[in-house]
Amino acid sequence: MKNIVQKSKLVHSTIVDWLLIKGPELFITIYGK
């Protein structure tokens, strides 16, 4: 069970990191024209 929790936390932090990196890029791509 602990492994599942650790994995879900890892996935969550990966998604958050991805959003922090890609979010601004997407925003600029969509609205920066």
N, C-alpha and C. Protein backbone atom coordinates (compact mmCIF):
# COMPACT_ATOMS: atom_id res chain seq x y z
N MET A 1 0.83 -1.21 0.00
CA MET A 1 0.00 0.00 0.00
C MET A 1 0.87 1.26 0.00
N LYS A 2 1.95 1.20 0.78
CA LYS A 2 2.80 2.39 0.85
C LYS A 2 3.39 2.74 -0.52
N ASN A 3 3.74 1.70 -1.26
CA ASN A 3 4.31 1.95 -2.59
C ASN A 3 3.33 2.70 -3.48
N ILE A 4 2.05 2.34 -3.40
CA ILE A 4 1.03 3.00 -4.21
C ILE A 4 0.93 4.47 -3.84
N VAL A 5 0.94 4.74 -2.54
CA VAL A 5 0.85 6.13 -2.08
C VAL A 5 2.06 6.92 -2.56
N GLN A 6 3.25 6.33 -2.43
CA GLN A 6 4.46 7.01 -2.88
C GLN A 6 4.42 7.27 -4.38
N LYS A 7 3.94 6.28 -5.13
CA LYS A 7 3.86 6.45 -6.58
C LYS A 7 2.88 7.56 -6.94
N SER A 8 1.72 7.58 -6.29
CA SER A 8 0.73 8.61 -6.61
C SER A 8 1.26 9.99 -6.25
N LYS A 9 2.01 10.08 -5.15
CA LYS A 9 2.63 11.37 -4.79
C LYS A 9 3.66 11.77 -5.84
N LEU A 10 4.44 10.79 -6.31
CA LEU A 10 5.45 11.06 -7.32
C LEU A 10 4.79 11.54 -8.61
N VAL A 11 3.73 10.84 -9.02
CA VAL A 11 3.01 11.24 -10.23
C VAL A 11 2.43 12.63 -10.06
N HIS A 12 1.85 12.90 -8.88
CA HIS A 12 1.25 14.21 -8.63
C HIS A 12 2.29 15.31 -8.74
N SER A 13 3.44 15.11 -8.10
CA SER A 13 4.49 16.13 -8.14
C SER A 13 5.02 16.29 -9.56
N THR A 14 5.06 15.19 -10.31
CA THR A 14 5.50 15.28 -11.70
C THR A 14 4.53 16.12 -12.52
N ILE A 15 3.23 15.92 -12.31
CA ILE A 15 2.21 16.70 -13.01
C ILE A 15 2.32 18.17 -12.63
N VAL A 16 2.53 18.44 -11.33
CA VAL A 16 2.66 19.83 -10.88
C VAL A 16 3.88 20.47 -11.52
N ASP A 17 5.01 19.75 -11.52
CA ASP A 17 6.22 20.28 -12.16
C ASP A 17 5.95 20.56 -13.64
N TRP A 18 5.29 19.63 -14.31
CA TRP A 18 5.00 19.78 -15.73
C TRP A 18 4.13 21.01 -15.98
N LEU A 19 3.12 21.20 -15.12
CA LEU A 19 2.25 22.36 -15.27
C LEU A 19 3.01 23.65 -15.04
N LEU A 20 3.90 23.65 -14.04
CA LEU A 20 4.68 24.85 -13.75
C LEU A 20 5.59 25.20 -14.93
N ILE A 21 6.10 24.17 -15.60
CA ILE A 21 7.00 24.40 -16.73
C ILE A 21 6.20 24.70 -18.00
N LYS A 22 5.20 23.86 -18.28
CA LYS A 22 4.48 23.93 -19.55
C LYS A 22 3.33 24.93 -19.52
N GLY A 23 2.77 25.18 -18.34
CA GLY A 23 1.63 26.09 -18.23
C GLY A 23 1.91 27.45 -18.86
N PRO A 24 2.98 28.13 -18.43
CA PRO A 24 3.31 29.43 -19.03
C PRO A 24 3.57 29.33 -20.53
N GLU A 25 4.22 28.27 -20.97
CA GLU A 25 4.49 28.10 -22.40
C GLU A 25 3.19 28.00 -23.18
N LEU A 26 2.25 27.18 -22.67
CA LEU A 26 0.95 27.04 -23.33
C LEU A 26 0.22 28.37 -23.35
N PHE A 27 0.26 29.08 -22.23
CA PHE A 27 -0.42 30.38 -22.14
C PHE A 27 0.12 31.34 -23.18
N ILE A 28 1.45 31.38 -23.30
CA ILE A 28 2.08 32.27 -24.27
C ILE A 28 1.73 31.84 -25.69
N THR A 29 1.74 30.52 -25.91
CA THR A 29 1.43 30.01 -27.25
C THR A 29 0.02 30.38 -27.67
N ILE A 30 -0.93 30.26 -26.73
CA ILE A 30 -2.33 30.49 -27.07
C ILE A 30 -2.64 31.99 -27.13
N TYR A 31 -2.16 32.74 -26.12
CA TYR A 31 -2.58 34.13 -25.99
C TYR A 31 -1.52 35.12 -26.46
N GLY A 32 -0.34 34.63 -26.83
CA GLY A 32 0.75 35.54 -27.15
C GLY A 32 0.84 35.92 -28.62
N LYS A 33 -0.25 35.65 -29.37
CA LYS A 33 -0.21 35.93 -30.80
C LYS A 33 -0.60 37.37 -31.09
